[in-house]
Amino acid sequence: MWSPGRDAKLSNVQEHRRYARVAATWPVIVRTGDRLLHLQTVNLSAHGVKVGLDAALPPVGTSAHLRLEPPDAPPVEVEAIVWRADDDGSAFFFVGTSHVESEHAVTSHAE
């Protein structure tokens, strides 16, 4: 596990993400069971999306259907699970979607 040295500053720490994220504020509809949440994305990657926290989201591990609505393009629908819950929103991990399909959908419409 990585930990900063005694004199290291967190602002100098680089992210060690496997896949790049792109900032994007798209409308997204999150469906979990019979609940529909109308939210906004914060960022996207080929394997997931982070949404802003406007409502109480389901717990980590919950299955969800997402309808991402990029500007000037058809909606993108994906299955996902709640991957992480942060103070500023929740991260969803795409499931049942190939890397090539999701990467094309995200990068071809990113701001």
PDB file of N, CA and C in Angstrom:
ATOM      1  N   MET A   1       0.838  -1.177   0.000  1.00  0.00           N
ATOM      2  CA  MET A   1       0.000   0.000   0.000  1.00  0.00           C
ATOM      3  C   MET A   1       0.881   1.237   0.000  1.00  0.00           C
ATOM      4  N   TRP A   2       0.545   2.202  -0.857  1.00  0.00           N
ATOM      5  CA  TRP A   2       1.320   3.424  -0.959  1.00  0.00           C
ATOM      6  C   TRP A   2       0.954   4.352   0.184  1.00  0.00           C
ATOM      7  N   SER A   3       1.966   5.015   0.722  1.00  0.00           N
ATOM      8  CA  SER A   3       1.703   6.058   1.707  1.00  0.00           C
ATOM      9  C   SER A   3       2.734   7.158   1.499  1.00  0.00           C
ATOM     10  N   PRO A   4       2.319   8.417   1.680  1.00  0.00           N
ATOM     11  CA  PRO A   4       3.256   9.516   1.454  1.00  0.00           C
ATOM     12  C   PRO A   4       4.344   9.527   2.510  1.00  0.00           C
ATOM     13  N   GLY A   5       5.498  10.013   2.119  1.00  0.00           N
ATOM     14  CA  GLY A   5       6.592  10.184   3.078  1.00  0.00           C
ATOM     15  C   GLY A   5       6.232  11.241   4.098  1.00  0.00           C
ATOM     16  N   ARG A   6       7.039  11.361   5.104  1.00  0.00           N
ATOM     17  CA  ARG A   6       6.733  12.276   6.199  1.00  0.00           C
ATOM     18  C   ARG A   6       6.574  13.716   5.720  1.00  0.00           C
ATOM     19  N   ASP A   7       7.364  14.130   4.734  1.00  0.00           N
ATOM     20  CA  ASP A   7       7.316  15.514   4.267  1.00  0.00           C
ATOM     21  C   ASP A   7       6.521  15.695   2.977  1.00  0.00           C
ATOM     22  N   ALA A   8       5.917  14.645   2.473  1.00  0.00           N
ATOM     23  CA  ALA A   8       5.175  14.750   1.208  1.00  0.00           C
ATOM     24  C   ALA A   8       3.876  15.517   1.416  1.00  0.00           C
ATOM     25  N   LYS A   9       3.493  16.255   0.382  1.00  0.00           N
ATOM     26  CA  LYS A   9       2.235  16.982   0.425  1.00  0.00           C
ATOM     27  C   LYS A   9       1.260  16.278  -0.503  1.00  0.00           C
ATOM     28  N   LEU A  10       0.014  16.142  -0.062  1.00  0.00           N
ATOM     29  CA  LEU A  10      -0.978  15.440  -0.868  1.00  0.00           C
ATOM     30  C   LEU A  10      -1.211  16.107  -2.218  1.00  0.00           C
ATOM     31  N   SER A  11      -1.031  17.423  -2.298  1.00  0.00           N
ATOM     32  CA  SER A  11      -1.263  18.108  -3.564  1.00  0.00           C
ATOM     33  C   SER A  11      -0.258  17.674  -4.631  1.00  0.00           C
ATOM     34  N   ASN A  12       0.860  17.093  -4.239  1.00  0.00           N
ATOM     35  CA  ASN A  12       1.865  16.648  -5.193  1.00  0.00           C
ATOM     36  C   ASN A  12       1.689  15.190  -5.600  1.00  0.00           C
ATOM     37  N   VAL A  13       0.708  14.507  -5.021  1.00  0.00           N
ATOM     38  CA  VAL A  13       0.494  13.095  -5.311  1.00  0.00           C
ATOM     39  C   VAL A  13      -0.264  12.956  -6.623  1.00  0.00           C
ATOM     40  N   GLN A  14       0.267  12.144  -7.537  1.00  0.00           N
ATOM     41  CA  GLN A  14      -0.402  11.907  -8.803  1.00  0.00           C
ATOM     42  C   GLN A  14      -1.380  10.764  -8.642  1.00  0.00           C
ATOM     43  N   GLU A  15      -2.459  10.809  -9.444  1.00  0.00           N
ATOM     44  CA  GLU A  15      -3.425   9.724  -9.408  1.00  0.00           C
ATOM     45  C   GLU A  15      -2.824   8.489 -10.052  1.00  0.00           C
ATOM     46  N   HIS A  16      -3.186   7.330  -9.542  1.00  0.00           N
ATOM     47  CA  HIS A  16      -2.701   6.062 -10.072  1.00  0.00           C
ATOM     48  C   HIS A  16      -3.869   5.258 -10.636  1.00  0.00           C
ATOM     49  N   ARG A  17      -4.704   5.921 -11.421  1.00  0.00           N
ATOM     50  CA  ARG A  17      -5.866   5.258 -11.990  1.00  0.00           C
ATOM     51  C   ARG A  17      -5.470   4.448 -13.204  1.00  0.00           C
ATOM     52  N   ARG A  18      -6.149   3.338 -13.377  1.00  0.00           N
ATOM     53  CA  ARG A  18      -5.878   2.465 -14.517  1.00  0.00           C
ATOM     54  C   ARG A  18      -6.434   3.055 -15.818  1.00  0.00           C
ATOM     55  N   TYR A  19      -7.574   3.744 -15.734  1.00  0.00           N
ATOM     56  CA  TYR A  19      -8.212   4.323 -16.912  1.00  0.00           C
ATOM     57  C   TYR A  19      -8.455   5.806 -16.682  1.00  0.00           C
ATOM     58  N   ALA A  20      -8.145   6.613 -17.680  1.00  0.00           N
ATOM     59  CA  ALA A  20      -8.304   8.059 -17.582  1.00  0.00           C
ATOM     60  C   ALA A  20      -9.773   8.434 -17.462  1.00  0.00           C
ATOM     61  N   ARG A  21     -10.018   9.508 -16.742  1.00  0.00           N
ATOM     62  CA  ARG A  21     -11.358  10.044 -16.619  1.00  0.00           C
ATOM     63  C   ARG A  21     -11.449  11.354 -17.372  1.00  0.00           C
ATOM     64  N   VAL A  22     -12.659  11.643 -17.852  1.00  0.00           N
ATOM     65  CA  VAL A  22     -12.914  12.871 -18.577  1.00  0.00           C
ATOM     66  C   VAL A  22     -14.006  13.624 -17.832  1.00  0.00           C
ATOM     67  N   ALA A  23     -13.757  14.888 -17.529  1.00  0.00           N
ATOM     68  CA  ALA A  23     -14.788  15.692 -16.871  1.00  0.00           C
ATOM     69  C   ALA A  23     -15.966  15.857 -17.821  1.00  0.00           C
ATOM     70  N   ALA A  24     -17.167  15.646 -17.332  1.00  0.00           N
ATOM     71  CA  ALA A  24     -18.364  15.781 -18.152  1.00  0.00           C
ATOM     72  C   ALA A  24     -19.562  16.002 -17.242  1.00  0.00           C
ATOM     73  N   THR A  25     -20.421  16.919 -17.628  1.00  0.00           N
ATOM     74  CA  THR A  25     -21.655  17.160 -16.876  1.00  0.00           C
ATOM     75  C   THR A  25     -22.840  16.855 -17.779  1.00  0.00           C
ATOM     76  N   TRP A  26     -23.154  15.593 -17.882  1.00  0.00           N
ATOM     77  CA  TRP A  26     -24.278  15.117 -18.695  1.00  0.00           C
ATOM     78  C   TRP A  26     -25.415  14.721 -17.774  1.00  0.00           C
ATOM     79  N   PRO A  27     -26.642  14.887 -18.246  1.00  0.00           N
ATOM     80  CA  PRO A  27     -27.752  14.315 -17.489  1.00  0.00           C
ATOM     81  C   PRO A  27     -27.614  12.787 -17.487  1.00  0.00           C
ATOM     82  N   VAL A  28     -27.975  12.161 -16.384  1.00  0.00           N
ATOM     83  CA  VAL A  28     -27.970  10.703 -16.287  1.00  0.00           C
ATOM     84  C   VAL A  28     -29.173  10.284 -15.454  1.00  0.00           C
ATOM     85  N   ILE A  29     -29.866   9.268 -15.940  1.00  0.00           N
ATOM     86  CA  ILE A  29     -30.970   8.692 -15.182  1.00  0.00           C
ATOM     87  C   ILE A  29     -30.467   7.377 -14.599  1.00  0.00           C
ATOM     88  N   VAL A  30     -30.557   7.251 -13.297  1.00  0.00           N
ATOM     89  CA  VAL A  30     -30.120   6.050 -12.586  1.00  0.00           C
ATOM     90  C   VAL A  30     -31.375   5.310 -12.129  1.00  0.00           C
ATOM     91  N   ARG A  31     -31.510   4.063 -12.585  1.00  0.00           N
ATOM     92  CA  ARG A  31     -32.655   3.235 -12.177  1.00  0.00           C
ATOM     93  C   ARG A  31     -32.146   2.084 -11.319  1.00  0.00           C
ATOM     94  N   THR A  32     -32.649   2.003 -10.114  1.00  0.00           N
ATOM     95  CA  THR A  32     -32.357   0.875  -9.226  1.00  0.00           C
ATOM     96  C   THR A  32     -33.704   0.377  -8.721  1.00  0.00           C
ATOM     97  N   GLY A  33     -34.058  -0.845  -9.113  1.00  0.00           N
ATOM     98  CA  GLY A  33     -35.374  -1.371  -8.739  1.00  0.00           C
ATOM     99  C   GLY A  33     -36.455  -0.477  -9.309  1.00  0.00           C
ATOM    100  N   ASP A  34     -37.344   0.024  -8.463  1.00  0.00           N
ATOM    101  CA  ASP A  34     -38.417   0.905  -8.931  1.00  0.00           C
ATOM    102  C   ASP A  34     -38.105   2.379  -8.716  1.00  0.00           C
ATOM    103  N   ARG A  35     -36.859   2.693  -8.363  1.00  0.00           N
ATOM    104  CA  ARG A  35     -36.423   4.076  -8.119  1.00  0.00           C
ATOM    105  C   ARG A  35     -35.766   4.676  -9.346  1.00  0.00           C
ATOM    106  N   LEU A  36     -36.151   5.880  -9.720  1.00  0.00           N
ATOM    107  CA  LEU A  36     -35.504   6.630 -10.800  1.00  0.00           C
ATOM    108  C   LEU A  36     -34.922   7.904 -10.209  1.00  0.00           C
ATOM    109  N   LEU A  37     -33.620   8.125 -10.458  1.00  0.00           N
ATOM    110  CA  LEU A  37     -32.950   9.334  -9.998  1.00  0.00           C
ATOM    111  C   LEU A  37     -32.442  10.104 -11.207  1.00  0.00           C
ATOM    112  N   HIS A  38     -32.760  11.377 -11.290  1.00  0.00           N
ATOM    113  CA  HIS A  38     -32.280  12.247 -12.366  1.00  0.00           C
ATOM    114  C   HIS A  38     -31.110  13.047 -11.812  1.00  0.00           C
ATOM    115  N   LEU A  39     -29.896  12.711 -12.280  1.00  0.00           N
ATOM    116  CA  LEU A  39     -28.674  13.295 -11.740  1.00  0.00           C
ATOM    117  C   LEU A  39     -27.802  13.858 -12.859  1.00  0.00           C
ATOM    118  N   GLN A  40     -26.597  14.288 -12.499  1.00  0.00           N
ATOM    119  CA  GLN A  40     -25.600  14.788 -13.456  1.00  0.00           C
ATOM    120  C   GLN A  40     -24.304  14.015 -13.256  1.00  0.00           C
ATOM    121  N   THR A  41     -23.622  13.742 -14.361  1.00  0.00           N
ATOM    122  CA  THR A  41     -22.313  13.111 -14.251  1.00  0.00           C
ATOM    123  C   THR A  41     -21.299  14.149 -13.770  1.00  0.00           C
ATOM    124  N   VAL A  42     -20.238  13.649 -13.157  1.00  0.00           N
ATOM    125  CA  VAL A  42     -19.106  14.479 -12.749  1.00  0.00           C
ATOM    126  C   VAL A  42     -17.935  14.174 -13.676  1.00  0.00           C
ATOM    127  N   ASN A  43     -17.691  12.862 -13.883  1.00  0.00           N
ATOM    128  CA  ASN A  43     -16.649  12.439 -14.819  1.00  0.00           C
ATOM    129  C   ASN A  43     -16.981  11.054 -15.347  1.00  0.00           C
ATOM    130  N   LEU A  44     -16.296  10.696 -16.437  1.00  0.00           N
ATOM    131  CA  LEU A  44     -16.540   9.427 -17.119  1.00  0.00           C
ATOM    132  C   LEU A  44     -15.227   8.761 -17.461  1.00  0.00           C
ATOM    133  N   SER A  45     -15.269   7.440 -17.554  1.00  0.00           N
ATOM    134  CA  SER A  45     -14.155   6.677 -18.106  1.00  0.00           C
ATOM    135  C   SER A  45     -14.764   5.564 -18.941  1.00  0.00           C
ATOM    136  N   ALA A  46     -13.924   4.767 -19.553  1.00  0.00           N
ATOM    137  CA  ALA A  46     -14.418   3.665 -20.363  1.00  0.00           C
ATOM    138  C   ALA A  46     -15.085   2.593 -19.508  1.00  0.00           C
ATOM    139  N   HIS A  47     -14.825   2.596 -18.200  1.00  0.00           N
ATOM    140  CA  HIS A  47     -15.362   1.548 -17.333  1.00  0.00           C
ATOM    141  C   HIS A  47     -16.325   2.038 -16.268  1.00  0.00           C
ATOM    142  N   GLY A  48     -16.589   3.326 -16.244  1.00  0.00           N
ATOM    143  CA  GLY A  48     -17.499   3.789 -15.215  1.00  0.00           C
ATOM    144  C   GLY A  48     -17.780   5.275 -15.284  1.00  0.00           C
ATOM    145  N   VAL A  49     -18.574   5.727 -14.338  1.00  0.00           N
ATOM    146  CA  VAL A  49     -18.991   7.123 -14.283  1.00  0.00           C
ATOM    147  C   VAL A  49     -19.169   7.517 -12.823  1.00  0.00           C
ATOM    148  N   LYS A  50     -18.882   8.778 -12.537  1.00  0.00           N
ATOM    149  CA  LYS A  50     -19.169   9.309 -11.216  1.00  0.00           C
ATOM    150  C   LYS A  50     -20.307  10.301 -11.372  1.00  0.00           C
ATOM    151  N   VAL A  51     -21.293  10.209 -10.491  1.00  0.00           N
ATOM    152  CA  VAL A  51     -22.430  11.117 -10.536  1.00  0.00           C
ATOM    153  C   VAL A  51     -22.448  11.968  -9.278  1.00  0.00           C
ATOM    154  N   GLY A  52     -22.955  13.198  -9.447  1.00  0.00           N
ATOM    155  CA  GLY A  52     -23.063  14.103  -8.313  1.00  0.00           C
ATOM    156  C   GLY A  52     -24.125  13.622  -7.337  1.00  0.00           C
ATOM    157  N   LEU A  53     -24.034  14.076  -6.130  1.00  0.00           N
ATOM    158  CA  LEU A  53     -24.902  13.600  -5.066  1.00  0.00           C
ATOM    159  C   LEU A  53     -26.051  14.573  -4.842  1.00  0.00           C
ATOM    160  N   ASP A  54     -27.179  14.333  -5.519  1.00  0.00           N
ATOM    161  CA  ASP A  54     -28.383  15.142  -5.329  1.00  0.00           C
ATOM    162  C   ASP A  54     -29.431  14.389  -4.517  1.00  0.00           C
ATOM    163  N   ALA A  55     -29.237  13.104  -4.363  1.00  0.00           N
ATOM    164  CA  ALA A  55     -30.201  12.270  -3.641  1.00  0.00           C
ATOM    165  C   ALA A  55     -29.438  11.130  -2.987  1.00  0.00           C
ATOM    166  N   ALA A  56     -30.070  10.506  -2.033  1.00  0.00           N
ATOM    167  CA  ALA A  56     -29.440   9.348  -1.397  1.00  0.00           C
ATOM    168  C   ALA A  56     -29.375   8.217  -2.417  1.00  0.00           C
ATOM    169  N   LEU A  57     -28.172   7.786  -2.721  1.00  0.00           N
ATOM    170  CA  LEU A  57     -27.988   6.713  -3.692  1.00  0.00           C
ATOM    171  C   LEU A  57     -27.991   5.373  -2.982  1.00  0.00           C
ATOM    172  N   PRO A  58     -28.262   4.319  -3.742  1.00  0.00           N
ATOM    173  CA  PRO A  58     -28.270   2.994  -3.127  1.00  0.00           C
ATOM    174  C   PRO A  58     -26.887   2.604  -2.626  1.00  0.00           C
ATOM    175  N   PRO A  59     -26.819   1.611  -1.754  1.00  0.00           N
ATOM    176  CA  PRO A  59     -25.534   1.214  -1.172  1.00  0.00           C
ATOM    177  C   PRO A  59     -24.586   0.580  -2.190  1.00  0.00           C
ATOM    178  N   VAL A  60     -23.307   0.580  -1.847  1.00  0.00           N
ATOM    179  CA  VAL A  60     -22.270  -0.035  -2.675  1.00  0.00           C
ATOM    180  C   VAL A  60     -22.669  -1.484  -2.963  1.00  0.00           C
ATOM    181  N   GLY A  61     -22.491  -1.887  -4.230  1.00  0.00           N
ATOM    182  CA  GLY A  61     -22.816  -3.236  -4.652  1.00  0.00           C
ATOM    183  C   GLY A  61     -24.182  -3.372  -5.299  1.00  0.00           C
ATOM    184  N   THR A  62     -25.009  -2.337  -5.214  1.00  0.00           N
ATOM    185  CA  THR A  62     -26.345  -2.372  -5.803  1.00  0.00           C
ATOM    186  C   THR A  62     -26.261  -2.296  -7.323  1.00  0.00           C
ATOM    187  N   SER A  63     -27.057  -3.111  -8.010  1.00  0.00           N
ATOM    188  CA  SER A  63     -27.139  -3.058  -9.471  1.00  0.00           C
ATOM    189  C   SER A  63     -27.951  -1.846  -9.893  1.00  0.00           C
ATOM    190  N   ALA A  64     -27.583  -1.286 -11.049  1.00  0.00           N
ATOM    191  CA  ALA A  64     -28.292  -0.110 -11.552  1.00  0.00           C
ATOM    192  C   ALA A  64     -28.278  -0.117 -13.082  1.00  0.00           C
ATOM    193  N   HIS A  65     -29.273   0.532 -13.658  1.00  0.00           N
ATOM    194  CA  HIS A  65     -29.306   0.768 -15.096  1.00  0.00           C
ATOM    195  C   HIS A  65     -29.119   2.271 -15.274  1.00  0.00           C
ATOM    196  N   LEU A  66     -28.148   2.674 -16.099  1.00  0.00           N
ATOM    197  CA  LEU A  66     -27.858   4.089 -16.313  1.00  0.00           C
ATOM    198  C   LEU A  66     -28.201   4.483 -17.738  1.00  0.00           C
ATOM    199  N   ARG A  67     -28.807   5.629 -17.874  1.00  0.00           N
ATOM    200  CA  ARG A  67     -29.061   6.218 -19.191  1.00  0.00           C
ATOM    201  C   ARG A  67     -28.310   7.553 -19.216  1.00  0.00           C
ATOM    202  N   LEU A  68     -27.135   7.536 -19.871  1.00  0.00           N
ATOM    203  CA  LEU A  68     -26.311   8.739 -20.007  1.00  0.00           C
ATOM    204  C   LEU A  68     -26.802   9.506 -21.219  1.00  0.00           C
ATOM    205  N   GLU A  69     -26.915  10.819 -21.085  1.00  0.00           N
ATOM    206  CA  GLU A  69     -27.440  11.640 -22.175  1.00  0.00           C
ATOM    207  C   GLU A  69     -26.418  12.690 -22.607  1.00  0.00           C
ATOM    208  N   PRO A  70     -25.462  12.273 -23.467  1.00  0.00           N
ATOM    209  CA  PRO A  70     -24.462  13.239 -23.951  1.00  0.00           C
ATOM    210  C   PRO A  70     -25.109  14.288 -24.846  1.00  0.00           C
ATOM    211  N   PRO A  71     -24.556  15.489 -24.863  1.00  0.00           N
ATOM    212  CA  PRO A  71     -25.116  16.530 -25.734  1.00  0.00           C
ATOM    213  C   PRO A  71     -24.916  16.162 -27.200  1.00  0.00           C
ATOM    214  N   ASP A  72     -25.899  16.438 -28.011  1.00  0.00           N
ATOM    215  CA  ASP A  72     -25.807  16.243 -29.462  1.00  0.00           C
ATOM    216  C   ASP A  72     -25.489  14.812 -29.873  1.00  0.00           C
ATOM    217  N   ALA A  73     -25.956  13.834 -29.114  1.00  0.00           N
ATOM    218  CA  ALA A  73     -25.733  12.428 -29.440  1.00  0.00           C
ATOM    219  C   ALA A  73     -26.850  11.602 -28.823  1.00  0.00           C
ATOM    220  N   PRO A  74     -27.076  10.423 -29.366  1.00  0.00           N
ATOM    221  CA  PRO A  74     -28.106   9.561 -28.765  1.00  0.00           C
ATOM    222  C   PRO A  74     -27.708   9.131 -27.354  1.00  0.00           C
ATOM    223  N   PRO A  75     -28.689   8.844 -26.508  1.00  0.00           N
ATOM    224  CA  PRO A  75     -28.379   8.366 -25.158  1.00  0.00           C
ATOM    225  C   PRO A  75     -27.594   7.060 -25.191  1.00  0.00           C
ATOM    226  N   VAL A  76     -26.815   6.850 -24.137  1.00  0.00           N
ATOM    227  CA  VAL A  76     -26.028   5.630 -23.972  1.00  0.00           C
ATOM    228  C   VAL A  76     -26.584   4.918 -22.743  1.00  0.00           C
ATOM    229  N   GLU A  77     -27.024   3.671 -22.915  1.00  0.00           N
ATOM    230  CA  GLU A  77     -27.579   2.911 -21.795  1.00  0.00           C
ATOM    231  C   GLU A  77     -26.627   1.792 -21.410  1.00  0.00           C
ATOM    232  N   VAL A  78     -26.345   1.689 -20.116  1.00  0.00           N
ATOM    233  CA  VAL A  78     -25.420   0.676 -19.613  1.00  0.00           C
ATOM    234  C   VAL A  78     -25.929   0.114 -18.295  1.00  0.00           C
ATOM    235  N   GLU A  79     -25.534  -1.114 -18.024  1.00  0.00           N
ATOM    236  CA  GLU A  79     -25.756  -1.722 -16.713  1.00  0.00           C
ATOM    237  C   GLU A  79     -24.524  -1.422 -15.876  1.00  0.00           C
ATOM    238  N   ALA A  80     -24.728  -1.232 -14.582  1.00  0.00           N
ATOM    239  CA  ALA A  80     -23.620  -0.867 -13.699  1.00  0.00           C
ATOM    240  C   ALA A  80     -23.916  -1.340 -12.276  1.00  0.00           C
ATOM    241  N   ILE A  81     -22.901  -1.210 -11.438  1.00  0.00           N
ATOM    242  CA  ILE A  81     -23.090  -1.404 -10.001  1.00  0.00           C
ATOM    243  C   ILE A  81     -22.521  -0.182  -9.288  1.00  0.00           C
ATOM    244  N   VAL A  82     -23.097   0.112  -8.132  1.00  0.00           N
ATOM    245  CA  VAL A  82     -22.543   1.180  -7.309  1.00  0.00           C
ATOM    246  C   VAL A  82     -21.207   0.667  -6.790  1.00  0.00           C
ATOM    247  N   TRP A  83     -20.145   1.329  -7.191  1.00  0.00           N
ATOM    248  CA  TRP A  83     -18.786   0.874  -6.892  1.00  0.00           C
ATOM    249  C   TRP A  83     -18.231   1.525  -5.640  1.00  0.00           C
ATOM    250  N   ARG A  84     -18.554   2.807  -5.468  1.00  0.00           N
ATOM    251  CA  ARG A  84     -17.972   3.570  -4.362  1.00  0.00           C
ATOM    252  C   ARG A  84     -18.907   4.728  -4.015  1.00  0.00           C
ATOM    253  N   ALA A  85     -18.983   5.081  -2.759  1.00  0.00           N
ATOM    254  CA  ALA A  85     -19.760   6.231  -2.309  1.00  0.00           C
ATOM    255  C   ALA A  85     -18.807   7.235  -1.680  1.00  0.00           C
ATOM    256  N   ASP A  86     -18.731   8.430  -2.246  1.00  0.00           N
ATOM    257  CA  ASP A  86     -17.863   9.497  -1.747  1.00  0.00           C
ATOM    258  C   ASP A  86     -18.734  10.626  -1.196  1.00  0.00           C
ATOM    259  N   ASP A  87     -18.116  11.579  -0.537  1.00  0.00           N
ATOM    260  CA  ASP A  87     -18.862  12.718  -0.015  1.00  0.00           C
ATOM    261  C   ASP A  87     -19.501  13.545  -1.120  1.00  0.00           C
ATOM    262  N   ASP A  88     -18.875  13.578  -2.301  1.00  0.00           N
ATOM    263  CA  ASP A  88     -19.373  14.417  -3.392  1.00  0.00           C
ATOM    264  C   ASP A  88     -20.126  13.640  -4.471  1.00  0.00           C
ATOM    265  N   GLY A  89     -20.378  12.366  -4.274  1.00  0.00           N
ATOM    266  CA  GLY A  89     -21.119  11.593  -5.263  1.00  0.00           C
ATOM    267  C   GLY A  89     -20.790  10.125  -5.183  1.00  0.00           C
ATOM    268  N   SER A  90     -21.333   9.375  -6.129  1.00  0.00           N
ATOM    269  CA  SER A  90     -21.100   7.933  -6.172  1.00  0.00           C
ATOM    270  C   SER A  90     -20.514   7.534  -7.510  1.00  0.00           C
ATOM    271  N   ALA A  91     -19.653   6.521  -7.457  1.00  0.00           N
ATOM    272  CA  ALA A  91     -19.035   5.985  -8.666  1.00  0.00           C
ATOM    273  C   ALA A  91     -19.743   4.693  -9.046  1.00  0.00           C
ATOM    274  N   PHE A  92     -20.005   4.545 -10.337  1.00  0.00           N
ATOM    275  CA  PHE A  92     -20.625   3.347 -10.890  1.00  0.00           C
ATOM    276  C   PHE A  92     -19.627   2.655 -11.806  1.00  0.00           C
ATOM    277  N   PHE A  93     -19.573   1.346 -11.715  1.00  0.00           N
ATOM    278  CA  PHE A  93     -18.711   0.520 -12.573  1.00  0.00           C
ATOM    279  C   PHE A  93     -19.607  -0.172 -13.582  1.00  0.00           C
ATOM    280  N   PHE A  94     -19.284  -0.005 -14.885  1.00  0.00           N
ATOM    281  CA  PHE A  94     -20.084  -0.628 -15.937  1.00  0.00           C
ATOM    282  C   PHE A  94     -19.886  -2.134 -15.929  1.00  0.00           C
ATOM    283  N   VAL A  95     -20.963  -2.875 -16.092  1.00  0.00           N
ATOM    284  CA  VAL A  95     -20.907  -4.331 -16.193  1.00  0.00           C
ATOM    285  C   VAL A  95     -21.664  -4.765 -17.440  1.00  0.00           C
ATOM    286  N   GLY A  96     -21.247  -5.876 -18.027  1.00  0.00           N
ATOM    287  CA  GLY A  96     -21.940  -6.396 -19.194  1.00  0.00           C
ATOM    288  C   GLY A  96     -21.719  -5.578 -20.453  1.00  0.00           C
ATOM    289  N   THR A  97     -20.724  -4.719 -20.445  1.00  0.00           N
ATOM    290  CA  THR A  97     -20.398  -3.882 -21.595  1.00  0.00           C
ATOM    291  C   THR A  97     -18.931  -4.094 -21.921  1.00  0.00           C
ATOM    292  N   SER A  98     -18.636  -4.308 -23.192  1.00  0.00           N
ATOM    293  CA  SER A  98     -17.234  -4.501 -23.552  1.00  0.00           C
ATOM    294  C   SER A  98     -16.473  -3.190 -23.419  1.00  0.00           C
ATOM    295  N   HIS A  99     -15.187  -3.292 -23.159  1.00  0.00           N
ATOM    296  CA  HIS A  99     -14.321  -2.117 -23.034  1.00  0.00           C
ATOM    297  C   HIS A  99     -14.389  -1.267 -24.298  1.00  0.00           C
ATOM    298  N   VAL A 100     -14.392  -1.881 -25.460  1.00  0.00           N
ATOM    299  CA  VAL A 100     -14.405  -1.145 -26.732  1.00  0.00           C
ATOM    300  C   VAL A 100     -15.704  -0.366 -26.874  1.00  0.00           C
ATOM    301  N   GLU A 101     -16.848  -0.980 -26.551  1.00  0.00           N
ATOM    302  CA  GLU A 101     -18.138  -0.296 -26.668  1.00  0.00           C
ATOM    303  C   GLU A 101     -18.220   0.899 -25.733  1.00  0.00           C
ATOM    304  N   SER A 102     -17.872   0.695 -24.472  1.00  0.00           N
ATOM    305  CA  SER A 102     -17.999   1.788 -23.512  1.00  0.00           C
ATOM    306  C   SER A 102     -16.979   2.882 -23.777  1.00  0.00           C
ATOM    307  N   GLU A 103     -15.766   2.511 -24.175  1.00  0.00           N
ATOM    308  CA  GLU A 103     -14.750   3.525 -24.469  1.00  0.00           C
ATOM    309  C   GLU A 103     -15.196   4.390 -25.640  1.00  0.00           C
ATOM    310  N   HIS A 104     -15.737   3.771 -26.692  1.00  0.00           N
ATOM    311  CA  HIS A 104     -16.205   4.535 -27.845  1.00  0.00           C
ATOM    312  C   HIS A 104     -17.350   5.461 -27.439  1.00  0.00           C
ATOM    313  N   ALA A 105     -18.300   4.956 -26.676  1.00  0.00           N
ATOM    314  CA  ALA A 105     -19.452   5.770 -26.268  1.00  0.00           C
ATOM    315  C   ALA A 105     -19.017   6.966 -25.440  1.00  0.00           C
ATOM    316  N   VAL A 106     -18.065   6.776 -24.556  1.00  0.00           N
ATOM    317  CA  VAL A 106     -17.625   7.845 -23.674  1.00  0.00           C
ATOM    318  C   VAL A 106     -16.731   8.832 -24.398  1.00  0.00           C
ATOM    319  N   THR A 107     -15.695   8.347 -25.060  1.00  0.00           N
ATOM    320  CA  THR A 107     -14.715   9.264 -25.663  1.00  0.00           C
ATOM    321  C   THR A 107     -15.260   9.983 -26.886  1.00  0.00           C
ATOM    322  N   SER A 108     -16.196   9.401 -27.584  1.00  0.00           N
ATOM    323  CA  SER A 108     -16.699  10.065 -28.785  1.00  0.00           C
ATOM    324  C   SER A 108     -17.642  11.221 -28.446  1.00  0.00           C
ATOM    325  N   HIS A 109     -18.123  11.292 -27.202  1.00  0.00           N
ATOM    326  CA  HIS A 109     -19.055  12.343 -26.817  1.00  0.00           C
ATOM    327  C   HIS A 109     -18.547  13.228 -25.692  1.00  0.00           C
ATOM    328  N   ALA A 110     -17.344  12.972 -25.204  1.00  0.00           N
ATOM    329  CA  ALA A 110     -16.829  13.708 -24.039  1.00  0.00           C
ATOM    330  C   ALA A 110     -16.612  15.174 -24.382  1.00  0.00           C
ATOM    331  N   GLU A 111     -16.800  16.004 -23.372  1.00  0.00           N
ATOM    332  CA  GLU A 111     -16.623  17.453 -23.546  1.00  0.00           C
ATOM    333  C   GLU A 111     -15.160  17.782 -23.748  1.00  0.00           C
TER     334      GLU A 111
END
